[in-house]
Amino acid sequence: MSLRLPSLRGVQAFEAVGRSGSVAIAARDLGLTPGAVSQHIGRLEEEVGVALFERKGRSLALTSWGQIYLRSVRDGFDHLRAANDVLQRARLKSEIVMSAPPSLAIRWVRRLLGEWQNLTPGVSVRLLGDDHEPVFEDEQVDFRISYGTARLKYAHFTDLFVDRVAPVCSPSFLEAHPIENPADVMRWPLIGIEWKNPYQSPPSWSDWAIRFGLTQLEPSCGISFSLSSTAIDAAIDGAGLVLGQASLVASEIASGRLVVACDCWMALSEPYALAWNPATLDRPHGSEFKNFVVRATRKV
């Protein structure tokens, strides 16, 4: 079977004549002369190797092959029109869909989108908190904030920032458990964070202890969580100290719900990154939103 497709011009001319039953009407619809329409049909018949019309004087009638072909061609054009409609709706829709890891979505991106709404109140954004790395075309996601090596699966991304962690706790916990130096941290209840695959977890208490020369002390976590946000909530409730990421605890520190118990910060091993569907940048506000997110990370 030949994989070569016939001329689209010829197929268009055939469909127009088959639909209208008139070369003159088809020519008007296509913006061509009747002679040009006839020439396109003649070339099409040569390409497909069968007669599609029976010519009787100046009139044309579909042959049996022509009737079969017209049904399939109409279906094909219907699919093309539907595909074009989908494309145009996607291009013109104003809603932006953004995906991010759950804890980042809750404690950082949510506040970021509040700033966006103040700047562009007519443009809506839907935020998906998900560890799953989306396939943009299949899942109708426009932007994804990803972490570490997971960002490398995307063709288009830019690194945003490398986060850092430090021991934080509630003010009442710090009052009851005084801390004057890094070694004091190891004396009190610690809250652990262990992310689920495929992400490499943020620095553990053991990593932090080694980083600040506390090799003789072995930290022990009474409770651990797979979600950073849940661990932060536990610290707010007074359950202990947690290595809070700067991006996730900034608002809690500003509000006084958390305090930095020991001003010893340690960087995460990999950056957060913003990935995007390139088609999104052709839609209204797509490039504007991308640039907004990139600029906002300078504050982290």
C-alpha atoms as a PDB file:
ATOM      1  CA  MET A   1       0.000   0.000   0.000  1.00  0.00           C
ATOM      2  CA  SER A   2       1.323   3.429  -0.960  1.00  0.00           C
ATOM      3  CA  LEU A   3       1.857   5.796   1.954  1.00  0.00           C
ATOM      4  CA  ARG A   4       1.874   8.842  -0.314  1.00  0.00           C
ATOM      5  CA  LEU A   5      -1.160  11.057   0.181  1.00  0.00           C
ATOM      6  CA  PRO A   6      -2.918  12.751  -2.722  1.00  0.00           C
ATOM      7  CA  SER A   7      -2.852  16.493  -3.196  1.00  0.00           C
ATOM      8  CA  LEU A   8      -4.885  18.302  -0.548  1.00  0.00           C
ATOM      9  CA  ARG A   9      -6.011  20.809  -3.170  1.00  0.00           C
ATOM     10  CA  GLY A  10      -7.419  17.958  -5.219  1.00  0.00           C
ATOM     11  CA  VAL A  11      -9.180  16.402  -2.234  1.00  0.00           C
ATOM     12  CA  GLN A  12     -10.687  19.786  -1.316  1.00  0.00           C
ATOM     13  CA  ALA A  13     -11.948  20.287  -4.862  1.00  0.00           C
ATOM     14  CA  PHE A  14     -13.384  16.757  -4.942  1.00  0.00           C
ATOM     15  CA  GLU A  15     -15.198  17.213  -1.618  1.00  0.00           C
ATOM     16  CA  ALA A  16     -16.631  20.584  -2.667  1.00  0.00           C
ATOM     17  CA  VAL A  17     -17.965  19.250  -5.981  1.00  0.00           C
ATOM     18  CA  GLY A  18     -19.248  16.060  -4.373  1.00  0.00           C
ATOM     19  CA  ARG A  19     -21.016  18.058  -1.665  1.00  0.00           C
ATOM     20  CA  SER A  20     -22.565  20.681  -3.947  1.00  0.00           C
ATOM     21  CA  GLY A  21     -22.985  18.661  -7.141  1.00  0.00           C
ATOM     22  CA  SER A  22     -21.649  21.595  -9.131  1.00  0.00           C
ATOM     23  CA  VAL A  23     -18.215  22.649 -10.340  1.00  0.00           C
ATOM     24  CA  ALA A  24     -19.361  26.283 -10.444  1.00  0.00           C
ATOM     25  CA  ILE A  25     -20.582  26.261  -6.827  1.00  0.00           C
ATOM     26  CA  ALA A  26     -17.447  24.444  -5.687  1.00  0.00           C
ATOM     27  CA  ALA A  27     -15.300  27.011  -7.476  1.00  0.00           C
ATOM     28  CA  ARG A  28     -17.122  29.841  -5.715  1.00  0.00           C
ATOM     29  CA  ASP A  29     -16.756  28.175  -2.295  1.00  0.00           C
ATOM     30  CA  LEU A  30     -13.044  27.582  -2.819  1.00  0.00           C
ATOM     31  CA  GLY A  31     -12.288  30.923  -4.425  1.00  0.00           C
ATOM     32  CA  LEU A  32     -11.080  29.285  -7.637  1.00  0.00           C
ATOM     33  CA  THR A  33     -12.134  29.270 -11.274  1.00  0.00           C
ATOM     34  CA  PRO A  34     -14.244  26.339 -12.545  1.00  0.00           C
ATOM     35  CA  GLY A  35     -11.341  25.378 -14.804  1.00  0.00           C
ATOM     36  CA  ALA A  36      -8.939  25.172 -11.859  1.00  0.00           C
ATOM     37  CA  VAL A  37     -11.404  22.979  -9.927  1.00  0.00           C
ATOM     38  CA  SER A  38     -11.687  20.608 -12.887  1.00  0.00           C
ATOM     39  CA  GLN A  39      -7.898  20.442 -13.201  1.00  0.00           C
ATOM     40  CA  HIS A  40      -7.496  19.603  -9.490  1.00  0.00           C
ATOM     41  CA  ILE A  41     -10.058  16.811  -9.773  1.00  0.00           C
ATOM     42  CA  GLY A  42      -8.361  15.434 -12.876  1.00  0.00           C
ATOM     43  CA  ARG A  43      -4.998  15.306 -11.102  1.00  0.00           C
ATOM     44  CA  LEU A  44      -6.631  13.650  -8.069  1.00  0.00           C
ATOM     45  CA  GLU A  45      -8.110  10.910 -10.229  1.00  0.00           C
ATOM     46  CA  GLU A  46      -4.651  10.294 -11.690  1.00  0.00           C
ATOM     47  CA  GLU A  47      -3.158  10.088  -8.198  1.00  0.00           C
ATOM     48  CA  VAL A  48      -5.751   7.645  -6.788  1.00  0.00           C
ATOM     49  CA  GLY A  49      -5.941   5.636 -10.025  1.00  0.00           C
ATOM     50  CA  VAL A  50      -9.737   5.493 -10.363  1.00  0.00           C
ATOM     51  CA  ALA A  51     -12.463   7.633 -11.933  1.00  0.00           C
ATOM     52  CA  LEU A  52     -14.308   9.536  -9.205  1.00  0.00           C
ATOM     53  CA  PHE A  53     -16.802  11.312 -11.452  1.00  0.00           C
ATOM     54  CA  GLU A  54     -18.766  10.261 -14.507  1.00  0.00           C
ATOM     55  CA  ARG A  55     -18.815  13.102 -16.992  1.00  0.00           C
ATOM     56  CA  LYS A  56     -22.004  13.687 -18.990  1.00  0.00           C
ATOM     57  CA  GLY A  57     -21.598  16.799 -21.040  1.00  0.00           C
ATOM     58  CA  ARG A  58     -21.143  19.657 -18.558  1.00  0.00           C
ATOM     59  CA  SER A  59     -22.491  17.723 -15.586  1.00  0.00           C
ATOM     60  CA  LEU A  60     -20.582  15.481 -13.168  1.00  0.00           C
ATOM     61  CA  ALA A  61     -21.963  12.497 -11.248  1.00  0.00           C
ATOM     62  CA  LEU A  62     -20.101  10.492  -8.633  1.00  0.00           C
ATOM     63  CA  THR A  63     -19.065   7.001  -9.665  1.00  0.00           C
ATOM     64  CA  SER A  64     -19.418   4.166  -7.152  1.00  0.00           C
ATOM     65  CA  TRP A  65     -15.740   4.699  -6.274  1.00  0.00           C
ATOM     66  CA  GLY A  66     -16.398   8.397  -5.907  1.00  0.00           C
ATOM     67  CA  GLN A  67     -19.270   7.781  -3.479  1.00  0.00           C
ATOM     68  CA  ILE A  68     -17.085   5.559  -1.286  1.00  0.00           C
ATOM     69  CA  TYR A  69     -14.244   8.075  -1.386  1.00  0.00           C
ATOM     70  CA  LEU A  70     -16.510  11.033  -0.602  1.00  0.00           C
ATOM     71  CA  ARG A  71     -17.815   9.392   2.602  1.00  0.00           C
ATOM     72  CA  SER A  72     -14.265   8.844   3.858  1.00  0.00           C
ATOM     73  CA  VAL A  73     -13.105  12.294   2.763  1.00  0.00           C
ATOM     74  CA  ARG A  74     -16.033  13.940   4.569  1.00  0.00           C
ATOM     75  CA  ASP A  75     -15.147  12.041   7.741  1.00  0.00           C
ATOM     76  CA  GLY A  76     -11.543  13.163   7.351  1.00  0.00           C
ATOM     77  CA  PHE A  77     -12.501  16.814   6.933  1.00  0.00           C
ATOM     78  CA  ASP A  78     -14.867  16.569   9.908  1.00  0.00           C
ATOM     79  CA  HIS A  79     -11.961  15.327  12.033  1.00  0.00           C
ATOM     80  CA  LEU A  80      -9.751  18.129  10.748  1.00  0.00           C
ATOM     81  CA  ARG A  81     -12.391  20.747  11.575  1.00  0.00           C
ATOM     82  CA  ALA A  82     -12.857  19.249  15.056  1.00  0.00           C
ATOM     83  CA  ALA A  83      -9.087  19.225  15.617  1.00  0.00           C
ATOM     84  CA  ASN A  84      -8.881  22.865  14.528  1.00  0.00           C
ATOM     85  CA  ASP A  85     -11.721  23.795  16.885  1.00  0.00           C
ATOM     86  CA  VAL A  86      -9.929  22.100  19.806  1.00  0.00           C
ATOM     87  CA  LEU A  87      -6.721  23.905  18.926  1.00  0.00           C
ATOM     88  CA  GLN A  88      -8.418  27.295  18.728  1.00  0.00           C
ATOM     89  CA  ARG A  89     -10.258  26.788  22.017  1.00  0.00           C
ATOM     90  CA  ALA A  90      -7.007  25.770  23.710  1.00  0.00           C
ATOM     91  CA  ARG A  91      -5.198  28.757  22.235  1.00  0.00           C
ATOM     92  CA  LEU A  92      -7.836  31.234  23.309  1.00  0.00           C
ATOM     93  CA  LYS A  93      -8.791  29.880  26.747  1.00  0.00           C
ATOM     94  CA  SER A  94      -7.831  32.196  29.577  1.00  0.00           C
ATOM     95  CA  GLU A  95      -7.448  29.656  32.400  1.00  0.00           C
ATOM     96  CA  ILE A  96      -3.884  28.637  33.244  1.00  0.00           C
ATOM     97  CA  VAL A  97      -3.346  25.200  34.787  1.00  0.00           C
ATOM     98  CA  MET A  98      -0.302  24.807  37.026  1.00  0.00           C
ATOM     99  CA  SER A  99       0.967  21.660  38.773  1.00  0.00           C
ATOM    100  CA  ALA A 100       3.351  21.554  41.743  1.00  0.00           C
ATOM    101  CA  PRO A 101       4.378  19.157  44.535  1.00  0.00           C
ATOM    102  CA  PRO A 102       1.679  19.246  47.244  1.00  0.00           C
ATOM    103  CA  SER A 103       3.627  20.964  50.028  1.00  0.00           C
ATOM    104  CA  LEU A 104       5.052  23.598  47.694  1.00  0.00           C
ATOM    105  CA  ALA A 105       1.589  24.151  46.229  1.00  0.00           C
ATOM    106  CA  ILE A 106       0.055  24.676  49.669  1.00  0.00           C
ATOM    107  CA  ARG A 107       2.707  26.840  51.302  1.00  0.00           C
ATOM    108  CA  TRP A 108       4.398  28.764  48.498  1.00  0.00           C
ATOM    109  CA  VAL A 109       2.620  28.593  45.134  1.00  0.00           C
ATOM    110  CA  ARG A 110      -0.752  29.391  46.737  1.00  0.00           C
ATOM    111  CA  ARG A 111       0.606  32.707  48.024  1.00  0.00           C
ATOM    112  CA  LEU A 112       2.296  33.334  44.684  1.00  0.00           C
ATOM    113  CA  LEU A 113      -1.018  32.961  42.871  1.00  0.00           C
ATOM    114  CA  GLY A 114      -2.590  35.467  45.235  1.00  0.00           C
ATOM    115  CA  GLU A 115      -0.058  38.028  44.007  1.00  0.00           C
ATOM    116  CA  TRP A 116      -0.839  37.052  40.402  1.00  0.00           C
ATOM    117  CA  GLN A 117      -4.557  37.590  40.938  1.00  0.00           C
ATOM    118  CA  ASN A 118      -3.918  41.062  42.298  1.00  0.00           C
ATOM    119  CA  LEU A 119      -1.960  41.919  39.155  1.00  0.00           C
ATOM    120  CA  THR A 120      -4.250  40.220  36.601  1.00  0.00           C
ATOM    121  CA  PRO A 121      -7.700  39.774  38.186  1.00  0.00           C
ATOM    122  CA  GLY A 122      -9.322  38.650  34.928  1.00  0.00           C
ATOM    123  CA  VAL A 123      -7.072  35.605  34.413  1.00  0.00           C
ATOM    124  CA  SER A 124      -7.864  32.470  36.405  1.00  0.00           C
ATOM    125  CA  VAL A 125      -5.313  29.860  37.457  1.00  0.00           C
ATOM    126  CA  ARG A 126      -6.077  26.290  38.572  1.00  0.00           C
ATOM    127  CA  LEU A 127      -3.459  24.814  40.891  1.00  0.00           C
ATOM    128  CA  LEU A 128      -2.920  21.047  41.044  1.00  0.00           C
ATOM    129  CA  GLY A 129      -1.001  19.754  44.071  1.00  0.00           C
ATOM    130  CA  ASP A 130       0.484  16.493  42.817  1.00  0.00           C
ATOM    131  CA  ASP A 131       3.734  14.516  43.062  1.00  0.00           C
ATOM    132  CA  HIS A 132       3.028  13.122  39.589  1.00  0.00           C
ATOM    133  CA  GLU A 133       5.085  14.683  36.790  1.00  0.00           C
ATOM    134  CA  PRO A 134       2.487  15.479  34.100  1.00  0.00           C
ATOM    135  CA  VAL A 135       2.656  14.980  30.352  1.00  0.00           C
ATOM    136  CA  PHE A 136       1.593  18.430  29.179  1.00  0.00           C
ATOM    137  CA  GLU A 137      -0.171  17.468  25.945  1.00  0.00           C
ATOM    138  CA  ASP A 138      -2.052  14.517  27.462  1.00  0.00           C
ATOM    139  CA  GLU A 139      -3.120  16.103  30.749  1.00  0.00           C
ATOM    140  CA  GLN A 140      -3.823  19.719  29.658  1.00  0.00           C
ATOM    141  CA  VAL A 141      -1.330  21.157  32.146  1.00  0.00           C
ATOM    142  CA  ASP A 142       0.382  24.417  31.198  1.00  0.00           C
ATOM    143  CA  PHE A 143       3.116  24.752  33.831  1.00  0.00           C
ATOM    144  CA  ARG A 144       4.834  22.447  36.297  1.00  0.00           C
ATOM    145  CA  ILE A 145       7.119  23.285  39.200  1.00  0.00           C
ATOM    146  CA  SER A 146       9.379  20.290  39.534  1.00  0.00           C
ATOM    147  CA  TYR A 147      12.302  19.350  41.752  1.00  0.00           C
ATOM    148  CA  GLY A 148      15.714  17.890  41.066  1.00  0.00           C
ATOM    149  CA  THR A 149      16.306  15.402  38.278  1.00  0.00           C
ATOM    150  CA  ALA A 150      12.549  15.127  37.618  1.00  0.00           C
ATOM    151  CA  ARG A 151      12.790  18.441  35.765  1.00  0.00           C
ATOM    152  CA  LEU A 152      15.051  16.854  33.137  1.00  0.00           C
ATOM    153  CA  LYS A 153      12.139  14.983  31.559  1.00  0.00           C
ATOM    154  CA  TYR A 154      10.815  18.262  30.172  1.00  0.00           C
ATOM    155  CA  ALA A 155      12.024  19.807  26.921  1.00  0.00           C
ATOM    156  CA  HIS A 156      11.417  23.346  28.180  1.00  0.00           C
ATOM    157  CA  PHE A 157      12.323  24.362  31.746  1.00  0.00           C
ATOM    158  CA  THR A 158      14.337  26.906  33.703  1.00  0.00           C
ATOM    159  CA  ASP A 159      15.812  26.501  37.172  1.00  0.00           C
ATOM    160  CA  LEU A 160      14.161  28.754  39.745  1.00  0.00           C
ATOM    161  CA  PHE A 161      15.978  28.501  43.075  1.00  0.00           C
ATOM    162  CA  VAL A 162      17.832  26.187  45.437  1.00  0.00           C
ATOM    163  CA  ASP A 163      15.938  26.082  48.710  1.00  0.00           C
ATOM    164  CA  ARG A 164      17.524  25.773  52.161  1.00  0.00           C
ATOM    165  CA  VAL A 165      16.494  24.420  55.545  1.00  0.00           C
ATOM    166  CA  ALA A 166      17.012  25.390  59.186  1.00  0.00           C
ATOM    167  CA  PRO A 167      15.552  24.198  62.502  1.00  0.00           C
ATOM    168  CA  VAL A 168      12.216  25.879  63.180  1.00  0.00           C
ATOM    169  CA  CYS A 169       9.594  25.371  65.882  1.00  0.00           C
ATOM    170  CA  SER A 170       6.712  27.101  67.567  1.00  0.00           C
ATOM    171  CA  PRO A 171       7.502  30.023  69.916  1.00  0.00           C
ATOM    172  CA  SER A 172       6.063  28.107  72.893  1.00  0.00           C
ATOM    173  CA  PHE A 173       8.231  25.075  72.126  1.00  0.00           C
ATOM    174  CA  LEU A 174      11.366  27.230  71.981  1.00  0.00           C
ATOM    175  CA  GLU A 175      10.457  28.862  75.273  1.00  0.00           C
ATOM    176  CA  ALA A 176      10.149  25.452  76.929  1.00  0.00           C
ATOM    177  CA  HIS A 177      13.213  23.995  75.158  1.00  0.00           C
ATOM    178  CA  PRO A 178      15.914  26.715  75.052  1.00  0.00           C
ATOM    179  CA  ILE A 179      18.505  26.520  72.266  1.00  0.00           C
ATOM    180  CA  GLU A 180      21.744  28.458  72.380  1.00  0.00           C
ATOM    181  CA  ASN A 181      23.827  26.517  69.845  1.00  0.00           C
ATOM    182  CA  PRO A 182      23.425  23.742  67.223  1.00  0.00           C
ATOM    183  CA  ALA A 183      24.224  21.010  69.753  1.00  0.00           C
ATOM    184  CA  ASP A 184      21.215  22.037  71.847  1.00  0.00           C
ATOM    185  CA  VAL A 185      18.940  21.193  68.914  1.00  0.00           C
ATOM    186  CA  MET A 186      19.840  17.516  69.190  1.00  0.00           C
ATOM    187  CA  ARG A 187      18.567  17.386  72.786  1.00  0.00           C
ATOM    188  CA  TRP A 188      14.933  18.020  71.920  1.00  0.00           C
ATOM    189  CA  PRO A 189      12.159  16.201  69.966  1.00  0.00           C
ATOM    190  CA  LEU A 190      12.864  16.222  66.235  1.00  0.00           C
ATOM    191  CA  ILE A 191      10.371  15.877  63.364  1.00  0.00           C
ATOM    192  CA  GLY A 192      11.635  14.061  60.263  1.00  0.00           C
ATOM    193  CA  ILE A 193      10.726  14.458  56.582  1.00  0.00           C
ATOM    194  CA  GLU A 194      11.157  11.618  54.090  1.00  0.00           C
ATOM    195  CA  TRP A 195       9.759  12.316  50.640  1.00  0.00           C
ATOM    196  CA  LYS A 196       8.287   9.554  48.547  1.00  0.00           C
ATOM    197  CA  ASN A 197      10.002   8.392  45.355  1.00  0.00           C
ATOM    198  CA  PRO A 198      11.096   9.616  42.861  1.00  0.00           C
ATOM    199  CA  TYR A 199      12.309  12.678  44.774  1.00  0.00           C
ATOM    200  CA  GLN A 200      15.468  12.805  46.828  1.00  0.00           C
ATOM    201  CA  SER A 201      14.446  13.909  50.321  1.00  0.00           C
ATOM    202  CA  PRO A 202      15.581  17.266  51.708  1.00  0.00           C
ATOM    203  CA  PRO A 203      18.499  17.250  54.172  1.00  0.00           C
ATOM    204  CA  SER A 204      17.839  14.946  57.109  1.00  0.00           C
ATOM    205  CA  TRP A 205      18.705  15.708  60.716  1.00  0.00           C
ATOM    206  CA  SER A 206      21.774  13.487  60.303  1.00  0.00           C
ATOM    207  CA  ASP A 207      22.836  15.525  57.245  1.00  0.00           C
ATOM    208  CA  TRP A 208      22.328  18.754  59.180  1.00  0.00           C
ATOM    209  CA  ALA A 209      24.269  17.478  62.210  1.00  0.00           C
ATOM    210  CA  ILE A 210      27.237  16.480  60.035  1.00  0.00           C
ATOM    211  CA  ARG A 211      27.116  19.806  58.174  1.00  0.00           C
ATOM    212  CA  PHE A 212      27.517  21.720  61.452  1.00  0.00           C
ATOM    213  CA  GLY A 213      30.115  19.451  63.033  1.00  0.00           C
ATOM    214  CA  LEU A 214      27.871  17.498  65.379  1.00  0.00           C
ATOM    215  CA  THR A 215      29.263  14.123  64.371  1.00  0.00           C
ATOM    216  CA  GLN A 216      29.359  12.875  67.944  1.00  0.00           C
ATOM    217  CA  LEU A 217      25.603  13.273  68.310  1.00  0.00           C
ATOM    218  CA  GLU A 218      23.082  10.894  66.736  1.00  0.00           C
ATOM    219  CA  PRO A 219      19.753  12.619  66.085  1.00  0.00           C
ATOM    220  CA  SER A 220      16.585  10.630  66.598  1.00  0.00           C
ATOM    221  CA  CYS A 221      13.194  11.531  65.115  1.00  0.00           C
ATOM    222  CA  GLY A 222      10.154  10.701  67.157  1.00  0.00           C
ATOM    223  CA  ILE A 223       7.828  11.200  64.167  1.00  0.00           C
ATOM    224  CA  SER A 224       8.411  11.506  60.427  1.00  0.00           C
ATOM    225  CA  PHE A 225       6.201  12.576  57.531  1.00  0.00           C
ATOM    226  CA  SER A 226       6.300  12.134  53.760  1.00  0.00           C
ATOM    227  CA  LEU A 227       4.788  15.601  53.242  1.00  0.00           C
ATOM    228  CA  SER A 228       6.822  18.616  54.301  1.00  0.00           C
ATOM    229  CA  SER A 229       3.621  20.584  54.892  1.00  0.00           C
ATOM    230  CA  THR A 230       2.368  18.039  57.437  1.00  0.00           C
ATOM    231  CA  ALA A 231       5.706  18.110  59.254  1.00  0.00           C
ATOM    232  CA  ILE A 232       5.512  21.905  59.404  1.00  0.00           C
ATOM    233  CA  ASP A 233       1.979  21.702  60.811  1.00  0.00           C
ATOM    234  CA  ALA A 234       3.273  19.361  63.525  1.00  0.00           C
ATOM    235  CA  ALA A 235       5.964  21.884  64.430  1.00  0.00           C
ATOM    236  CA  ILE A 236       3.369  24.675  64.579  1.00  0.00           C
ATOM    237  CA  ASP A 237       1.380  22.485  66.993  1.00  0.00           C
ATOM    238  CA  GLY A 238       4.421  22.217  69.274  1.00  0.00           C
ATOM    239  CA  ALA A 239       5.419  18.616  68.480  1.00  0.00           C
ATOM    240  CA  GLY A 240       9.101  19.465  68.055  1.00  0.00           C
ATOM    241  CA  LEU A 241      11.679  20.959  65.733  1.00  0.00           C
ATOM    242  CA  VAL A 242      11.587  20.482  61.967  1.00  0.00           C
ATOM    243  CA  LEU A 243      14.085  21.339  59.247  1.00  0.00           C
ATOM    244  CA  GLY A 244      11.814  23.813  57.505  1.00  0.00           C
ATOM    245  CA  GLN A 245      12.427  24.880  53.928  1.00  0.00           C
ATOM    246  CA  ALA A 246      12.701  28.645  53.608  1.00  0.00           C
ATOM    247  CA  SER A 247      10.079  28.775  50.852  1.00  0.00           C
ATOM    248  CA  LEU A 248       7.596  26.764  52.912  1.00  0.00           C
ATOM    249  CA  VAL A 249       7.973  28.429  56.312  1.00  0.00           C
ATOM    250  CA  ALA A 250       8.483  32.083  55.338  1.00  0.00           C
ATOM    251  CA  SER A 251       4.851  33.081  55.878  1.00  0.00           C
ATOM    252  CA  GLU A 252       4.641  31.123  59.152  1.00  0.00           C
ATOM    253  CA  ILE A 253       7.735  32.897  60.459  1.00  0.00           C
ATOM    254  CA  ALA A 254       6.372  36.269  59.329  1.00  0.00           C
ATOM    255  CA  SER A 255       3.099  35.593  61.156  1.00  0.00           C
ATOM    256  CA  GLY A 256       4.861  34.444  64.327  1.00  0.00           C
ATOM    257  CA  ARG A 257       3.550  30.895  64.209  1.00  0.00           C
ATOM    258  CA  LEU A 258       7.090  29.590  63.766  1.00  0.00           C
ATOM    259  CA  VAL A 259      10.508  30.869  64.783  1.00  0.00           C
ATOM    260  CA  VAL A 260      13.998  29.966  63.589  1.00  0.00           C
ATOM    261  CA  ALA A 261      15.386  28.074  66.589  1.00  0.00           C
ATOM    262  CA  CYS A 262      18.957  27.964  65.289  1.00  0.00           C
ATOM    263  CA  ASP A 263      20.149  30.225  62.470  1.00  0.00           C
ATOM    264  CA  CYS A 264      22.136  27.466  60.740  1.00  0.00           C
ATOM    265  CA  TRP A 265      20.911  27.015  57.175  1.00  0.00           C
ATOM    266  CA  MET A 266      21.723  24.128  54.844  1.00  0.00           C
ATOM    267  CA  ALA A 267      21.003  24.098  51.106  1.00  0.00           C
ATOM    268  CA  LEU A 268      19.023  21.371  49.375  1.00  0.00           C
ATOM    269  CA  SER A 269      21.030  19.277  46.942  1.00  0.00           C
ATOM    270  CA  GLU A 270      19.030  20.216  43.824  1.00  0.00           C
ATOM    271  CA  PRO A 271      16.990  23.143  42.463  1.00  0.00           C
ATOM    272  CA  TYR A 272      13.309  23.673  41.883  1.00  0.00           C
ATOM    273  CA  ALA A 273      12.474  24.408  38.251  1.00  0.00           C
ATOM    274  CA  LEU A 274       9.595  25.739  36.179  1.00  0.00           C
ATOM    275  CA  ALA A 275       8.662  23.639  33.134  1.00  0.00           C
ATOM    276  CA  TRP A 276       6.069  24.613  30.559  1.00  0.00           C
ATOM    277  CA  ASN A 277       4.111  23.478  27.549  1.00  0.00           C
ATOM    278  CA  PRO A 278       5.518  25.609  24.686  1.00  0.00           C
ATOM    279  CA  ALA A 279       2.035  25.969  23.180  1.00  0.00           C
ATOM    280  CA  THR A 280       0.966  27.796  26.351  1.00  0.00           C
ATOM    281  CA  LEU A 281       3.261  30.703  25.551  1.00  0.00           C
ATOM    282  CA  ASP A 282       1.222  31.416  22.416  1.00  0.00           C
ATOM    283  CA  ARG A 283      -1.955  31.840  24.461  1.00  0.00           C
ATOM    284  CA  PRO A 284      -3.115  35.035  26.174  1.00  0.00           C
ATOM    285  CA  HIS A 285      -1.083  35.689  29.353  1.00  0.00           C
ATOM    286  CA  GLY A 286       1.019  32.509  28.967  1.00  0.00           C
ATOM    287  CA  SER A 287       4.382  34.273  28.605  1.00  0.00           C
ATOM    288  CA  GLU A 288       3.325  36.887  31.166  1.00  0.00           C
ATOM    289  CA  PHE A 289       2.603  34.192  33.770  1.00  0.00           C
ATOM    290  CA  LYS A 290       5.897  32.398  33.094  1.00  0.00           C
ATOM    291  CA  ASN A 291       7.872  35.613  33.523  1.00  0.00           C
ATOM    292  CA  PHE A 292       5.923  36.439  36.688  1.00  0.00           C
ATOM    293  CA  VAL A 293       6.852  33.109  38.327  1.00  0.00           C
ATOM    294  CA  VAL A 294      10.513  33.462  37.361  1.00  0.00           C
ATOM    295  CA  ARG A 295      10.679  36.997  38.792  1.00  0.00           C
ATOM    296  CA  ALA A 296       8.891  35.962  41.992  1.00  0.00           C
ATOM    297  CA  THR A 297      11.533  33.352  42.816  1.00  0.00           C
ATOM    298  CA  ARG A 298      14.117  36.088  43.276  1.00  0.00           C
ATOM    299  CA  LYS A 299      12.399  36.789  46.611  1.00  0.00           C
ATOM    300  CA  VAL A 300      12.935  33.236  47.917  1.00  0.00           C
END
